[in-house]
C-alpha cells in the first residue's frame, strides 16, 4: 500500500522506511501518531490509505484469561471473521489468524466448515489481524511470538494472500518474524501443498489428520475423497526430508468415532517411521454438530498406546473453549 502511495505522489523512497518503522515496528495506533511525516502529508495519507482494513466489533476473554477472541468486520463489505490470541504460560503469544470468511472444505465437526465459503481475505486483511493484536500486546509490554494459519478457512485455497502475509511477517523492515515461528495448517489440498513447498516455504506445517485411514477420513473430511491420504503423506515426507522439520498432525478425538484403541494402534503404525509430532485435541463442542468429546479415560488410553510405540505427541489442553475460540469453534460471531 505504501509503495503505491509514495510512487503516485513522487515522494522520496526514504518515506517508505519511515512508514515501515512507525506502522510495523513502533505499532502506532493511528496515522495521527506518525510524527516523522509532516502533518500535511499525514493528512493526505489518511485520505487515501485506510489505517486498517478491519473494524474490531467485540473481544471476549476466557475465564482463565489466557485466550482472547476478537470479532472483526471487514470494512470492504461488512463480512465478519474471528481471530484468536493465546497467551501461553511459557511466555509465547500466538495469534491464530483467519484467511477466509467461512471455509469451503466442510469438515463435519467444524463450525467454520458449516458456514460454507463466503470470501477470501486479502494479504493485508490477514496482516491487520496480527497488527491489531500486536498493538494490544505492546501496551502490556509483550509481543506476538508466533502466528498460526489455523483460524477460519483453508490457507492452501487462498495461497496468494497467505504468501503476501508471510512476506510481511518475515520482512526485516516490517514485523521481522522468523519463518520458524509461522505455521500453516491444512486439511490436505495436495496440489496446492506441492505449490507452497515448491515456492520455497520453510516454515512449519500442520496437517488436520483426524483419522488413521482413508475410509474414516473421508467420512470426517470430504476433501479426503479428492486427495487420498497416501499421496498426501508422500508430499509431507518430502517436506520433512527437505527442511528437516517434523510435521505436526492434528488429531481431534471424537467420542465413539475415531478414539478406539484399534485406531490408536493404526495411527502409530501409520506415522511411527516418520519425522512427526501428533497433537491430540479433545473435541470442542460445536452447535448443531452431534459429536461429543472423548472421555478422559479414553483419551488417556489413546495417548498411552502412542507412548508405547514411542510416537512423539502432546495432549493439547483446551484454550478458549468456554468462549468458542478453540479448534473448530470459529464461526464469525461472538
Protein backbone atom coordinates (compact mmCIF):
# COMPACT_ATOMS: atom_id res chain seq x y z
CA UNK A 1 0.00 0.00 0.00
CA UNK A 2 2.68 2.49 0.98
CA UNK A 3 4.84 1.93 -2.10
CA UNK A 4 1.92 2.85 -4.35
CA UNK A 5 1.22 5.98 -2.30
CA UNK A 6 4.86 7.07 -2.40
CA UNK A 7 5.18 6.36 -6.12
CA UNK A 8 1.92 8.16 -7.01
CA UNK A 9 2.95 11.30 -5.11
CA UNK A 10 6.57 11.07 -6.30
CA UNK A 11 7.91 11.09 -2.77
CA UNK A 12 11.49 10.15 -1.90
CA UNK A 13 11.91 6.46 -1.14
CA UNK A 14 13.07 7.10 2.43
CA UNK A 15 9.41 7.84 3.22
CA UNK A 16 8.79 4.10 2.84
CA UNK A 17 11.35 3.27 5.53
CA UNK A 18 9.83 5.91 7.82
CA UNK A 19 6.38 4.44 7.30
CA UNK A 20 7.52 0.85 7.93
CA UNK A 21 9.26 1.87 11.15
CA UNK A 22 6.20 3.66 12.50
CA UNK A 23 3.49 1.31 11.26
CA UNK A 24 5.05 -2.13 11.70
CA UNK A 25 7.86 -1.62 14.22
CA UNK A 26 6.58 1.14 16.51
CA UNK A 27 3.00 -0.12 16.11
CA UNK A 28 1.34 3.30 16.05
CA UNK A 29 -2.39 3.20 16.71
CA UNK A 30 -3.36 5.85 14.14
CA UNK A 31 -1.77 7.90 11.38
CA UNK A 32 -2.04 10.93 13.70
CA UNK A 33 0.82 9.38 15.68
CA UNK A 34 3.02 9.18 12.57
CA UNK A 35 5.21 12.08 13.71
CA UNK A 36 8.09 11.54 11.28
CA UNK A 37 5.90 12.74 8.40
CA UNK A 38 4.79 16.39 8.18
CA UNK A 39 1.15 16.98 9.07
CA UNK A 40 0.06 17.83 5.51
CA UNK A 41 1.48 14.56 4.20
CA UNK A 42 -0.11 12.62 7.06
CA UNK A 43 -3.49 14.11 6.23
CA UNK A 44 -3.09 13.10 2.61
CA UNK A 45 -2.18 9.58 3.70
CA UNK A 46 -5.27 9.40 5.90
CA UNK A 47 -7.49 10.40 2.98
CA UNK A 48 -6.08 7.82 0.56
CA UNK A 49 -4.96 4.83 2.65
CA UNK A 50 -7.10 3.21 5.36
CA UNK A 51 -5.22 2.66 8.61
CA UNK A 52 -6.76 -0.84 8.79
CA UNK A 53 -8.95 -2.98 6.56
CA UNK A 54 -10.74 -4.39 9.62
CA UNK A 55 -13.00 -2.93 12.29
CA UNK A 56 -12.95 -4.55 15.72
CA UNK A 57 -16.50 -5.35 16.85
CA UNK A 58 -16.04 -7.20 20.11
CA UNK A 59 -13.41 -9.00 22.16
CA UNK A 60 -14.13 -11.65 24.78
CA UNK A 61 -11.70 -13.29 27.18
CA UNK A 62 -11.73 -16.85 28.51
CA UNK A 63 -12.34 -17.47 32.20
CA UNK A 64 -8.66 -18.31 32.71
CA UNK A 65 -7.57 -15.11 30.96
CA UNK A 66 -5.22 -16.97 28.63
CA UNK A 67 -7.29 -16.68 25.46
CA UNK A 68 -8.97 -13.77 23.70
CA UNK A 69 -11.29 -14.00 20.73
CA UNK A 70 -11.69 -10.93 18.57
CA UNK A 71 -14.59 -10.42 16.19
CA UNK A 72 -13.69 -8.26 13.19
CA UNK A 73 -15.80 -6.76 10.45
CA UNK A 74 -14.28 -6.23 7.03
CA UNK A 75 -14.53 -2.57 6.10
CA UNK A 76 -14.89 -3.50 2.43
CA UNK A 77 -18.14 -5.48 2.74
CA UNK A 78 -19.11 -5.94 6.40
CA UNK A 79 -18.41 -9.68 6.45
CA UNK A 80 -17.14 -10.96 9.79
CA UNK A 81 -14.18 -13.07 10.85
CA UNK A 82 -12.62 -14.15 14.12
CA UNK A 83 -9.03 -14.05 15.36
CA UNK A 84 -7.68 -15.71 18.49
CA UNK A 85 -4.84 -14.69 20.80
CA UNK A 86 -3.40 -17.41 23.04
CA UNK A 87 -1.13 -16.37 25.92
CA UNK A 88 0.93 -19.38 26.90
CA UNK A 89 2.47 -19.94 30.31
CA UNK A 90 5.96 -20.12 28.81
CA UNK A 91 5.68 -16.52 27.56
CA UNK A 92 4.70 -17.19 23.97
CA UNK A 93 1.86 -15.17 22.46
CA UNK A 94 0.30 -16.93 19.50
CA UNK A 95 -2.07 -15.28 17.05
CA UNK A 96 -4.38 -17.66 15.22
CA UNK A 97 -5.35 -15.84 12.03
CA UNK A 98 -8.19 -16.42 9.60
CA UNK A 99 -7.58 -16.42 5.85
CA UNK A 100 -11.20 -16.72 4.70
CA UNK A 101 -14.71 -15.79 5.70
CA UNK A 102 -16.08 -19.27 6.24
CA UNK A 103 -14.48 -22.33 4.66
CA UNK A 104 -15.24 -24.48 1.59
CA UNK A 105 -13.73 -27.70 2.96
CA UNK A 106 -16.74 -28.69 5.08
CA UNK A 107 -15.22 -30.89 7.79
CA UNK A 108 -18.20 -32.43 9.57
CA UNK A 109 -17.12 -31.48 13.11
CA UNK A 110 -16.03 -27.88 12.43
CA UNK A 111 -18.17 -24.77 12.96
CA UNK A 112 -16.35 -22.82 10.25
CA UNK A 113 -16.96 -25.63 7.76
CA UNK A 114 -20.70 -25.42 8.43
CA UNK A 115 -20.62 -21.74 7.39
CA UNK A 116 -19.59 -22.60 3.85
CA UNK A 117 -17.29 -20.36 1.83
CA UNK A 118 -18.15 -16.64 1.76
CA UNK A 119 -14.94 -14.84 0.73
CA UNK A 120 -11.15 -14.92 0.64
CA UNK A 121 -9.24 -12.43 2.76
CA UNK A 122 -6.53 -10.27 1.22
CA UNK A 123 -2.97 -10.43 2.45
CA UNK A 124 -3.44 -7.11 4.19
CA UNK A 125 -6.61 -8.31 5.94
CA UNK A 126 -4.60 -11.23 7.33
CA UNK A 127 -1.78 -8.93 8.47
CA UNK A 128 -4.22 -6.46 10.03
CA UNK A 129 -5.32 -9.22 12.40
CA UNK A 130 -1.75 -9.63 13.59
CA UNK A 131 -1.14 -5.89 13.85
CA UNK A 132 -4.27 -5.34 15.94
CA UNK A 133 -3.12 -7.95 18.44
CA UNK A 134 0.47 -6.67 18.37
CA UNK A 135 -0.70 -3.17 19.33
CA UNK A 136 -2.69 -4.57 22.25
CA UNK A 137 0.25 -6.65 23.45
CA UNK A 138 2.61 -3.69 23.18
CA UNK A 139 0.52 -1.94 25.83
CA UNK A 140 1.12 -4.97 28.08
CA UNK A 141 4.87 -4.92 27.28
CA UNK A 142 4.50 -8.18 25.38
CA UNK A 143 4.79 -9.08 21.72
CA UNK A 144 3.50 -11.54 19.14
CA UNK A 145 5.87 -14.51 19.11
CA UNK A 146 4.02 -16.96 16.84
CA UNK A 147 1.47 -16.82 14.04
CA UNK A 148 -0.57 -19.84 13.02
CA UNK A 149 -2.82 -20.03 9.97
CA UNK A 150 -5.38 -22.15 11.81
CA UNK A 151 -8.36 -19.82 12.03
CA UNK A 152 -11.27 -19.62 9.63
CA UNK A 153 -10.60 -21.01 6.16
CA UNK A 154 -8.19 -23.30 4.32
CA UNK A 155 -4.86 -21.47 3.79
CA UNK A 156 -3.87 -23.51 0.75
CA UNK A 157 -7.02 -22.40 -1.08
CA UNK A 158 -6.06 -18.75 -0.60
CA UNK A 159 -2.39 -19.23 -1.29
CA UNK A 160 -1.61 -15.86 -2.89
CA UNK A 161 -2.88 -13.93 0.14
CA UNK A 162 -1.12 -16.30 2.53
CA UNK A 163 2.16 -15.75 0.66
CA UNK A 164 1.65 -11.98 0.84
CA UNK A 165 1.01 -12.15 4.58
CA UNK A 166 4.04 -14.35 5.25
CA UNK A 167 6.21 -11.92 3.26
CA UNK A 168 5.17 -9.06 5.56
CA UNK A 169 5.53 -11.17 8.70
CA UNK A 170 9.11 -12.10 7.82
CA UNK A 171 10.24 -8.81 6.23
CA UNK A 172 13.09 -7.44 8.37
CA UNK A 173 11.80 -3.88 7.86
CA UNK A 174 8.26 -4.84 8.90
CA UNK A 175 7.30 -7.47 11.50
CA UNK A 176 10.63 -9.30 11.23
CA UNK A 177 9.42 -12.69 12.47
CA UNK A 178 11.43 -15.85 11.96
CA UNK A 179 9.81 -18.23 9.48
CA UNK A 180 10.22 -20.88 12.19
CA UNK A 181 7.59 -19.02 14.21
CA UNK A 182 4.96 -19.38 11.47
CA UNK A 183 2.75 -22.43 10.97
CA UNK A 184 0.46 -23.14 8.05
CA UNK A 185 -2.26 -25.67 8.82
CA UNK A 186 -4.06 -27.51 6.06
CA UNK A 187 -6.81 -30.06 5.67
CA UNK A 188 -4.80 -31.63 2.86
CA UNK A 189 -5.12 -29.93 -0.54
CA UNK A 190 -2.25 -31.87 -2.11
CA UNK A 191 -1.85 -29.84 -5.31
CA UNK A 192 -1.51 -26.52 -3.50
CA UNK A 193 0.64 -28.09 -0.80
CA UNK A 194 3.12 -29.01 -3.52
CA UNK A 195 2.94 -25.45 -4.82
CA UNK A 196 3.56 -24.00 -1.36
CA UNK A 197 6.66 -26.15 -0.95
CA UNK A 198 7.89 -25.52 -4.48
CA UNK A 199 7.60 -21.79 -3.79
CA UNK A 200 10.21 -22.26 -1.08
CA UNK A 201 8.11 -22.24 2.10
CA UNK A 202 10.35 -23.21 5.04
CA UNK A 203 8.02 -22.58 7.96
CA UNK A 204 6.15 -25.17 9.95
CA UNK A 205 3.36 -27.38 8.61
CA UNK A 206 0.38 -28.88 10.39
CA UNK A 207 -1.99 -31.38 8.82
CA UNK A 208 -5.55 -31.85 10.04
CA UNK A 209 -5.50 -35.65 10.02
CA UNK A 210 -8.24 -36.81 12.44
CA UNK A 211 -8.23 -40.40 11.13
CA UNK A 212 -5.53 -43.02 10.50
CA UNK A 213 -7.07 -44.44 7.34
CA UNK A 214 -8.66 -43.24 4.12
CA UNK A 215 -12.14 -44.63 4.75
CA UNK A 216 -12.71 -42.91 8.09
CA UNK A 217 -11.02 -39.71 6.97
CA UNK A 218 -13.43 -39.43 4.03
CA UNK A 219 -16.36 -39.59 6.45
CA UNK A 220 -14.98 -36.79 8.59
CA UNK A 221 -13.36 -34.65 5.88
CA UNK A 222 -14.90 -34.54 2.38
CA UNK A 223 -11.61 -33.21 0.93
CA UNK A 224 -10.06 -36.65 1.53
CA UNK A 225 -12.13 -38.08 -1.33
CA UNK A 226 -10.24 -35.90 -3.82
CA UNK A 227 -6.84 -36.01 -2.11
CA UNK A 228 -6.13 -39.53 -0.81
CA UNK A 229 -4.14 -39.91 2.38
CA UNK A 230 -1.23 -41.96 0.93
CA UNK A 231 -0.48 -39.31 -1.71
CA UNK A 232 -0.72 -36.54 0.88
CA UNK A 233 1.67 -38.32 3.25
CA UNK A 234 4.21 -38.72 0.43
CA UNK A 235 4.26 -34.95 -0.09
CA UNK A 236 4.68 -34.35 3.64
CA UNK A 237 7.53 -36.86 3.71
CA UNK A 238 9.31 -34.82 1.04
CA UNK A 239 8.80 -31.67 3.11
CA UNK A 240 10.29 -33.32 6.21
CA UNK A 241 13.34 -34.51 4.27
CA UNK A 242 13.86 -31.14 2.59
CA UNK A 243 13.52 -29.00 5.73
CA UNK A 244 14.45 -31.49 8.46
CA UNK A 245 11.33 -30.23 10.26
CA UNK A 246 8.78 -32.56 11.70
CA UNK A 247 5.18 -32.31 10.53
CA UNK A 248 2.50 -31.73 13.14
CA UNK A 249 -0.53 -33.97 12.74
CA UNK A 250 -3.71 -32.65 14.35
CA UNK A 251 -5.98 -35.41 15.62
CA UNK A 252 -9.30 -34.39 17.19
CA UNK A 253 -10.62 -37.10 19.49
CA UNK A 254 -14.37 -37.57 18.98
CA UNK A 255 -16.30 -39.93 21.21
CA UNK A 256 -17.05 -43.27 19.54
CA UNK A 257 -15.83 -42.16 16.12
CA UNK A 258 -12.04 -42.02 15.97
CA UNK A 259 -10.89 -42.70 19.52
CA UNK A 260 -10.72 -46.51 19.81
CA UNK A 261 -7.62 -48.42 20.85
CA UNK A 262 -7.50 -50.13 17.44
CA UNK A 263 -7.40 -46.75 15.72
CA UNK A 264 -4.64 -45.62 18.07
CA UNK A 265 -2.62 -48.68 17.05
CA UNK A 266 -3.33 -47.91 13.40
CA UNK A 267 -2.24 -44.30 13.86
CA UNK A 268 1.02 -45.44 15.43
CA UNK A 269 1.65 -47.75 12.51
CA UNK A 270 0.88 -45.00 10.00
CA UNK A 271 3.21 -42.38 11.46
CA UNK A 272 5.71 -44.32 13.53
CA UNK A 273 8.52 -44.19 10.96
CA UNK A 274 8.08 -40.51 10.07
CA UNK A 275 9.57 -37.27 11.38
CA UNK A 276 6.39 -36.24 13.10
CA UNK A 277 4.56 -34.99 16.15
CA UNK A 278 0.91 -35.65 16.90
CA UNK A 279 -1.33 -33.13 18.66
CA UNK A 280 -4.22 -34.93 20.32
CA UNK A 281 -7.09 -32.47 20.59
CA UNK A 282 -10.17 -33.23 22.69
CA UNK A 283 -13.19 -32.35 20.55
CA UNK A 284 -14.54 -28.88 21.23
CA UNK A 285 -18.34 -28.63 21.26
CA UNK A 286 -19.91 -27.02 18.19
CA UNK A 287 -23.61 -26.01 17.94
CA UNK A 288 -25.69 -28.30 15.72
CA UNK A 289 -22.87 -30.88 15.49
CA UNK A 290 -23.94 -34.11 17.25
CA UNK A 291 -20.45 -35.09 18.41
CA UNK A 292 -19.03 -35.40 21.91
CA UNK A 293 -15.58 -35.11 23.41
CA UNK A 294 -13.94 -38.45 24.23
CA UNK A 295 -13.86 -39.26 27.93
CA UNK A 296 -10.67 -38.57 29.90
CA UNK A 297 -10.08 -42.31 30.30
CA UNK A 298 -10.42 -42.97 26.56
CA UNK A 299 -8.07 -40.09 25.81
CA UNK A 300 -5.56 -41.41 28.34
CA UNK A 301 -5.62 -44.91 26.78
CA UNK A 302 -5.24 -43.47 23.27
CA UNK A 303 -2.25 -41.43 24.41
CA UNK A 304 -0.70 -44.39 26.22
CA UNK A 305 -0.76 -46.51 23.07
CA UNK A 306 1.14 -43.80 21.20
CA UNK A 307 3.61 -43.65 24.08
CA UNK A 308 4.07 -47.43 23.96
CA UNK A 309 5.05 -47.07 20.29
CA UNK A 310 7.40 -44.15 21.05
CA UNK A 311 5.32 -41.72 19.00
CA UNK A 312 6.03 -38.08 19.97
CA UNK A 313 2.72 -36.50 20.85
CA UNK A 314 1.07 -33.86 23.00
CA UNK A 315 -2.35 -33.84 24.58
CA UNK A 316 -3.47 -30.31 23.86
CA UNK A 317 -5.03 -28.52 26.79
CA UNK A 318 -8.14 -26.71 25.51
CA UNK A 319 -7.68 -22.93 25.45
CA UNK A 320 -10.72 -20.73 24.98
CA UNK A 321 -13.29 -23.49 24.52
CA UNK A 322 -15.53 -21.66 27.01
CA UNK A 323 -15.73 -18.68 24.61
CA UNK A 324 -15.91 -20.64 21.34
CA UNK A 325 -12.28 -19.83 20.49
CA UNK A 326 -10.81 -23.34 20.42
CA UNK A 327 -10.06 -25.55 17.43
CA UNK A 328 -13.11 -26.00 15.20
CA UNK A 329 -15.28 -23.44 17.00
CA UNK A 330 -14.78 -20.26 14.98
CA UNK A 331 -17.93 -19.16 13.17
CA UNK A 332 -17.65 -15.41 12.60
CA UNK A 333 -19.66 -14.35 15.63
CA UNK A 334 -19.18 -13.81 19.33
